[in-house]
């Protein structure tokens, strides 16, 4: 078998759907941001991934695209303080709602 003779869909049938759904995960500047566990959301020049909630703390990873798009900087934020507002990277957010599988944030 030579390079280019087999289509990628044969080995990765879901490859096309992941590319198409990426546009849905770009945060709008004027609306709330819904973060679903282990799914990235692009916020300006960064990606934020919600990793879940453990012992009253929210676990988030911040990927700074201009610096290193493959390394996630871990952030652990107390849920009570997140409801008052918090900073991740250069972005200010406030927690609106939290669950095990998703959280909803508002830009401040």
N, C-alpha and C. Protein backbone atom coordinates (compact mmCIF):
# COMPACT_ATOMS: atom_id res chain seq x y z
N UNK A 1 0.85 -1.17 0.00
CA UNK A 1 0.00 0.00 0.00
C UNK A 1 0.89 1.23 0.00
N UNK A 2 0.56 2.18 -0.83
CA UNK A 2 1.34 3.41 -0.94
C UNK A 2 0.57 4.56 -0.36
N UNK A 3 1.30 5.57 0.03
CA UNK A 3 0.67 6.75 0.62
C UNK A 3 -0.29 7.39 -0.37
N UNK A 4 -1.47 7.69 0.12
CA UNK A 4 -2.44 8.36 -0.72
C UNK A 4 -3.38 7.44 -1.47
N UNK A 5 -3.19 6.12 -1.38
CA UNK A 5 -4.06 5.22 -2.13
C UNK A 5 -5.31 4.83 -1.36
N UNK A 6 -5.32 5.02 -0.05
CA UNK A 6 -6.47 4.66 0.77
C UNK A 6 -7.01 5.93 1.42
N UNK A 7 -8.30 6.12 1.34
CA UNK A 7 -8.90 7.32 1.92
C UNK A 7 -8.88 7.24 3.45
N UNK A 8 -8.73 8.37 4.13
CA UNK A 8 -8.71 8.37 5.60
C UNK A 8 -10.02 7.86 6.21
N UNK A 9 -11.13 8.00 5.48
CA UNK A 9 -12.42 7.56 6.01
C UNK A 9 -12.45 6.06 6.29
N UNK A 10 -11.64 5.30 5.57
CA UNK A 10 -11.61 3.85 5.79
C UNK A 10 -11.11 3.52 7.19
N UNK A 11 -10.13 4.26 7.67
CA UNK A 11 -9.55 4.00 8.98
C UNK A 11 -10.15 4.86 10.08
N UNK A 12 -10.62 6.02 9.72
CA UNK A 12 -11.23 6.94 10.68
C UNK A 12 -12.54 7.45 10.11
N UNK A 13 -13.61 6.66 10.21
CA UNK A 13 -14.87 7.09 9.61
C UNK A 13 -15.47 8.33 10.25
N UNK A 14 -15.09 8.66 11.47
CA UNK A 14 -15.64 9.84 12.14
C UNK A 14 -14.78 11.08 11.95
N UNK A 15 -13.74 11.02 11.14
CA UNK A 15 -12.82 12.16 10.98
C UNK A 15 -13.52 13.40 10.44
N UNK A 16 -14.41 13.24 9.49
CA UNK A 16 -15.10 14.38 8.91
C UNK A 16 -16.04 15.06 9.89
N UNK A 17 -16.71 14.31 10.72
CA UNK A 17 -17.68 14.91 11.64
C UNK A 17 -17.00 15.73 12.72
N UNK A 18 -15.81 15.35 13.16
CA UNK A 18 -15.12 16.12 14.19
C UNK A 18 -14.70 17.49 13.66
N UNK A 19 -14.26 17.54 12.43
CA UNK A 19 -13.86 18.81 11.85
C UNK A 19 -15.06 19.73 11.70
N UNK A 20 -16.17 19.19 11.28
CA UNK A 20 -17.36 20.01 11.07
C UNK A 20 -17.92 20.55 12.38
N UNK A 21 -17.83 19.79 13.46
CA UNK A 21 -18.42 20.23 14.72
C UNK A 21 -17.52 21.21 15.48
N UNK A 22 -16.28 21.42 15.05
CA UNK A 22 -15.39 22.32 15.76
C UNK A 22 -15.94 23.74 15.78
N UNK A 23 -16.58 24.17 14.69
CA UNK A 23 -17.11 25.53 14.62
C UNK A 23 -18.17 25.78 15.69
N UNK A 24 -18.87 24.75 16.12
CA UNK A 24 -19.89 24.90 17.14
C UNK A 24 -19.29 25.16 18.52
N UNK A 25 -18.00 24.91 18.69
CA UNK A 25 -17.38 25.03 20.00
C UNK A 25 -16.53 26.30 20.14
N UNK A 26 -16.82 27.30 19.35
CA UNK A 26 -16.16 28.60 19.50
C UNK A 26 -17.09 29.50 20.30
N UNK A 27 -16.59 30.02 21.40
CA UNK A 27 -17.42 30.83 22.30
C UNK A 27 -17.74 32.18 21.66
N UNK A 28 -19.00 32.57 21.77
CA UNK A 28 -19.41 33.89 21.31
C UNK A 28 -19.06 34.92 22.38
N UNK A 29 -18.62 36.10 21.99
CA UNK A 29 -18.21 37.09 22.99
C UNK A 29 -19.36 37.66 23.81
N UNK A 30 -20.60 37.54 23.34
CA UNK A 30 -21.71 38.17 24.04
C UNK A 30 -22.63 37.19 24.77
N UNK A 31 -22.35 35.91 24.70
CA UNK A 31 -23.25 34.94 25.31
C UNK A 31 -22.56 34.09 26.36
N UNK A 32 -23.33 33.27 27.07
CA UNK A 32 -22.74 32.37 28.05
C UNK A 32 -21.92 31.28 27.35
N UNK A 33 -20.99 30.71 28.07
CA UNK A 33 -20.11 29.68 27.54
C UNK A 33 -20.43 28.37 28.23
N UNK A 34 -20.83 27.37 27.46
CA UNK A 34 -21.12 26.05 28.00
C UNK A 34 -19.90 25.16 27.77
N UNK A 35 -19.33 24.66 28.85
CA UNK A 35 -18.20 23.75 28.76
C UNK A 35 -18.67 22.35 29.13
N UNK A 36 -18.53 21.42 28.21
CA UNK A 36 -18.88 20.03 28.43
C UNK A 36 -17.59 19.27 28.73
N UNK A 37 -17.66 18.33 29.64
CA UNK A 37 -16.47 17.60 30.09
C UNK A 37 -15.69 17.03 28.91
N UNK A 38 -14.37 17.28 28.94
CA UNK A 38 -13.40 16.77 27.97
C UNK A 38 -13.63 17.26 26.54
N UNK A 39 -14.35 18.37 26.38
CA UNK A 39 -14.52 18.98 25.06
C UNK A 39 -13.98 20.40 25.12
N UNK A 40 -13.25 20.76 24.08
CA UNK A 40 -12.63 22.08 24.07
C UNK A 40 -13.60 23.15 23.59
N UNK A 41 -13.41 24.35 24.12
CA UNK A 41 -14.12 25.53 23.65
C UNK A 41 -13.07 26.60 23.40
N UNK A 42 -13.11 27.19 22.24
CA UNK A 42 -12.13 28.22 21.90
C UNK A 42 -12.64 29.58 22.36
N UNK A 43 -11.81 30.26 23.14
CA UNK A 43 -12.13 31.59 23.65
C UNK A 43 -10.98 32.50 23.24
N UNK A 44 -11.24 33.36 22.27
CA UNK A 44 -10.22 34.25 21.71
C UNK A 44 -9.00 33.44 21.29
N UNK A 45 -7.82 33.68 21.89
CA UNK A 45 -6.61 32.98 21.49
C UNK A 45 -6.28 31.80 22.38
N UNK A 46 -7.28 31.20 22.98
CA UNK A 46 -7.04 30.08 23.90
C UNK A 46 -8.13 29.03 23.73
N UNK A 47 -7.84 27.84 24.23
CA UNK A 47 -8.83 26.77 24.32
C UNK A 47 -8.97 26.41 25.79
N UNK A 48 -10.20 26.21 26.23
CA UNK A 48 -10.47 25.81 27.61
C UNK A 48 -11.18 24.47 27.57
N UNK A 49 -10.71 23.54 28.41
CA UNK A 49 -11.31 22.21 28.50
C UNK A 49 -11.72 21.97 29.95
N UNK A 50 -12.98 21.64 30.16
CA UNK A 50 -13.49 21.29 31.49
C UNK A 50 -13.20 19.82 31.74
N UNK A 51 -12.52 19.51 32.84
CA UNK A 51 -12.14 18.13 33.16
C UNK A 51 -13.00 17.50 34.25
N UNK A 52 -13.94 18.25 34.78
CA UNK A 52 -14.84 17.70 35.79
C UNK A 52 -14.71 18.44 37.11
N UNK A 53 -15.51 17.98 38.07
CA UNK A 53 -15.54 18.58 39.40
C UNK A 53 -15.20 17.50 40.42
N UNK A 54 -14.27 17.82 41.32
CA UNK A 54 -13.85 16.87 42.35
C UNK A 54 -13.69 17.61 43.67
N UNK A 55 -14.38 17.13 44.69
CA UNK A 55 -14.26 17.69 46.05
C UNK A 55 -14.51 19.20 46.07
N UNK A 56 -15.52 19.66 45.33
CA UNK A 56 -15.87 21.07 45.35
C UNK A 56 -14.96 21.96 44.53
N UNK A 57 -14.11 21.38 43.71
CA UNK A 57 -13.20 22.16 42.87
C UNK A 57 -13.45 21.84 41.41
N UNK A 58 -13.42 22.88 40.59
CA UNK A 58 -13.55 22.72 39.15
C UNK A 58 -12.16 22.49 38.57
N UNK A 59 -12.03 21.52 37.69
CA UNK A 59 -10.75 21.22 37.05
C UNK A 59 -10.84 21.65 35.59
N UNK A 60 -10.00 22.62 35.22
CA UNK A 60 -9.98 23.16 33.86
C UNK A 60 -8.56 23.12 33.33
N UNK A 61 -8.42 22.94 32.02
CA UNK A 61 -7.13 23.05 31.36
C UNK A 61 -7.20 24.21 30.38
N UNK A 62 -6.16 25.04 30.39
CA UNK A 62 -6.07 26.19 29.49
C UNK A 62 -4.96 25.93 28.49
N UNK A 63 -5.29 25.99 27.21
CA UNK A 63 -4.32 25.85 26.13
C UNK A 63 -4.14 27.22 25.50
N UNK A 64 -2.93 27.77 25.57
CA UNK A 64 -2.64 29.07 24.97
C UNK A 64 -2.12 28.80 23.56
N UNK A 65 -2.93 29.13 22.57
CA UNK A 65 -2.64 28.73 21.20
C UNK A 65 -1.38 29.37 20.64
N UNK A 66 -1.11 30.62 20.98
CA UNK A 66 0.08 31.30 20.45
C UNK A 66 1.36 30.79 21.10
N UNK A 67 1.27 30.29 22.31
CA UNK A 67 2.45 29.83 23.03
C UNK A 67 2.74 28.36 22.75
N UNK A 68 1.81 27.48 23.08
CA UNK A 68 1.96 26.04 22.84
C UNK A 68 0.57 25.42 22.79
N UNK A 69 0.04 25.20 21.60
CA UNK A 69 -1.34 24.70 21.48
C UNK A 69 -1.52 23.26 21.93
N UNK A 70 -0.44 22.55 22.25
CA UNK A 70 -0.54 21.15 22.64
C UNK A 70 -0.37 20.92 24.14
N UNK A 71 -0.09 21.97 24.90
CA UNK A 71 0.11 21.81 26.34
C UNK A 71 -1.00 22.52 27.10
N UNK A 72 -1.67 21.79 27.96
CA UNK A 72 -2.74 22.36 28.77
C UNK A 72 -2.25 22.74 30.15
N UNK A 73 -2.46 23.98 30.52
CA UNK A 73 -2.10 24.45 31.86
C UNK A 73 -3.26 24.16 32.80
N UNK A 74 -3.05 23.29 33.79
CA UNK A 74 -4.17 22.91 34.67
C UNK A 74 -4.52 24.02 35.66
N UNK A 75 -5.82 24.20 35.87
CA UNK A 75 -6.34 25.16 36.86
C UNK A 75 -7.34 24.43 37.74
N UNK A 76 -7.22 24.63 39.04
CA UNK A 76 -8.16 24.07 40.02
C UNK A 76 -8.79 25.24 40.75
N UNK A 77 -10.10 25.37 40.65
CA UNK A 77 -10.79 26.54 41.19
C UNK A 77 -11.90 26.07 42.11
N UNK A 78 -11.95 26.62 43.30
CA UNK A 78 -13.03 26.30 44.24
C UNK A 78 -14.36 26.77 43.63
N UNK A 79 -15.37 25.92 43.70
CA UNK A 79 -16.66 26.26 43.10
C UNK A 79 -17.28 27.50 43.74
N UNK A 80 -17.14 27.65 45.05
CA UNK A 80 -17.70 28.82 45.72
C UNK A 80 -17.05 30.11 45.24
N UNK A 81 -15.74 30.11 45.09
CA UNK A 81 -15.07 31.33 44.62
C UNK A 81 -15.32 31.56 43.13
N UNK A 82 -15.55 30.48 42.36
CA UNK A 82 -15.83 30.64 40.93
C UNK A 82 -17.16 31.34 40.71
N UNK A 83 -18.10 31.18 41.64
CA UNK A 83 -19.40 31.86 41.52
C UNK A 83 -19.25 33.37 41.74
N UNK A 84 -18.19 33.78 42.44
CA UNK A 84 -17.91 35.20 42.63
C UNK A 84 -17.14 35.78 41.44
N UNK A 85 -16.47 34.94 40.69
CA UNK A 85 -15.66 35.37 39.55
C UNK A 85 -14.24 34.87 39.69
N UNK A 86 -13.61 34.58 38.56
CA UNK A 86 -12.23 34.08 38.58
C UNK A 86 -11.55 34.44 37.26
N UNK A 87 -10.23 34.34 37.27
CA UNK A 87 -9.42 34.64 36.09
C UNK A 87 -8.72 33.36 35.66
N UNK A 88 -8.80 33.06 34.38
CA UNK A 88 -8.05 31.96 33.80
C UNK A 88 -7.37 32.51 32.54
N UNK A 89 -6.05 32.50 32.53
CA UNK A 89 -5.32 33.16 31.46
C UNK A 89 -5.53 34.66 31.57
N UNK A 90 -5.96 35.28 30.50
CA UNK A 90 -6.27 36.72 30.53
C UNK A 90 -7.78 36.95 30.47
N UNK A 91 -8.55 35.94 30.82
CA UNK A 91 -10.01 36.01 30.72
C UNK A 91 -10.64 35.99 32.11
N UNK A 92 -11.65 36.82 32.29
CA UNK A 92 -12.41 36.89 33.55
C UNK A 92 -13.77 36.21 33.33
N UNK A 93 -14.10 35.27 34.20
CA UNK A 93 -15.35 34.53 34.10
C UNK A 93 -16.06 34.50 35.43
N UNK A 94 -17.35 34.17 35.35
CA UNK A 94 -18.15 33.91 36.55
C UNK A 94 -18.92 32.62 36.29
N UNK A 95 -18.92 31.73 37.27
CA UNK A 95 -19.64 30.47 37.16
C UNK A 95 -21.13 30.72 37.33
N UNK A 96 -21.93 30.28 36.37
CA UNK A 96 -23.38 30.40 36.44
C UNK A 96 -24.00 29.12 36.97
N UNK A 97 -23.59 27.99 36.41
CA UNK A 97 -24.12 26.69 36.82
C UNK A 97 -23.03 25.64 36.68
N UNK A 98 -23.07 24.63 37.54
CA UNK A 98 -22.05 23.58 37.52
C UNK A 98 -22.67 22.22 37.74
N UNK A 99 -22.15 21.24 37.04
CA UNK A 99 -22.54 19.84 37.20
C UNK A 99 -21.32 18.97 36.97
N UNK A 100 -21.50 17.67 37.10
CA UNK A 100 -20.37 16.77 36.89
C UNK A 100 -19.93 16.74 35.43
N UNK A 101 -20.87 16.88 34.51
CA UNK A 101 -20.55 16.75 33.09
C UNK A 101 -20.44 18.06 32.34
N UNK A 102 -20.86 19.17 32.94
CA UNK A 102 -20.78 20.45 32.23
C UNK A 102 -20.86 21.61 33.22
N UNK A 103 -20.36 22.76 32.76
CA UNK A 103 -20.49 24.00 33.51
C UNK A 103 -20.87 25.11 32.53
N UNK A 104 -21.44 26.16 33.07
CA UNK A 104 -21.82 27.32 32.26
C UNK A 104 -21.15 28.55 32.87
N UNK A 105 -20.44 29.31 32.03
CA UNK A 105 -19.69 30.48 32.48
C UNK A 105 -20.22 31.73 31.78
N UNK A 106 -20.02 32.86 32.44
CA UNK A 106 -20.33 34.17 31.86
C UNK A 106 -19.04 34.98 31.86
N UNK A 107 -18.79 35.68 30.75
CA UNK A 107 -17.62 36.57 30.71
C UNK A 107 -17.91 37.81 31.52
N UNK A 108 -16.89 38.28 32.20
CA UNK A 108 -17.03 39.49 33.01
C UNK A 108 -16.23 40.62 32.38
